Amino acid sequence: MIDEIKSLPPLPASVVRIQELCMNNDTNIDELSQVIAGDPMLSANILKSVNSPLYGMSKEISSIPQAVMLFGISMIRGFAAANAIKKTVPIDLSPYGKTIDDLTKISTLQMALVREWYRNVDKSMLPLLLSSAFLMELGKLIAAIKVIASSEAEKFAVEVSEGKALEEIERCYLGMSSYEITAMMFAHWNFEDALVEVLRNISNPATTNRYAQVLSIITRAVTLRDGLSEAGIAYALEKIDELGLKRGPFEEAIMSIKAAQK
């Protein structure tokens, strides 16, 4: 897996610059908007993402400055990085029985859920949570490549279709979860240590990293295979109880997301 990560090409200059700006506490929103606007395809993809019905905007967002103001720097950074990676990494999610559009929809749903949940719990945690939430499933791109190369894609896909836990399947075939692979990817691209640490610990049941704990709950409620399911919600609530968190804000967020999906 290390060799696959090391062979990944560098991210586009526009995304590298966005990352640099977002790591600066004195980031100028106008400068960030100009960098994004300089990449027409990136601009179009970001505007498509922020106009998802899941975010509940009353009218269409038509400009990058408007998107940055409404969603914040960290959330826009997540959109930019994810879109760039989907162009950088070969895509074949057939071992998971899904497409890149499926993965994008799930990542958007996960980000929307964590945003709806934690803006009523602890807004100070949202910047890192939002970036991590939109990026955390991208390790599945590399996981799929590795499985296909091993000639075990068919067996992997059968186990996925049988309903076995995705993380358990990944560990069986790859020796690690796709979230750990995502952490390795972003360490390779020199993203900040805090984000890499969160991603690395999402699938660690013993972690004390609160951000990783929150995202582990999100990954139970919303999965690539099943989307937002009642079984997943029940599983997420078990984790909430285990961690001593309050159910109410999470359940309210679920209701809001379900309403937005109708």
Foldseek 3Di string as FASTA:
>chain_A
DLVLLLPFDAFDPLLVVLLVLVVDPPRDLVVNQVSQVVDVVLFVQLQVLQQQLLQPDPDRDDGSSVSCVVPHSLLSSLSSVVVRVVVRFDADLVLLPDGVVLLQVLLSLLLSLCVQQCVVPPVVPNSLLNSLSSQQQVLSRVLQVVCVVVVNSVVSSVCNVVPDDQQVSSCVRPVGGSLLSSLSNVVSNVRDPVSSVLSNCLPPPPDPPVSSLSSVLSCQQADSNPGRDPRSNVVSVVSCVVVVHDCVSSVVSVVSSVVSVD
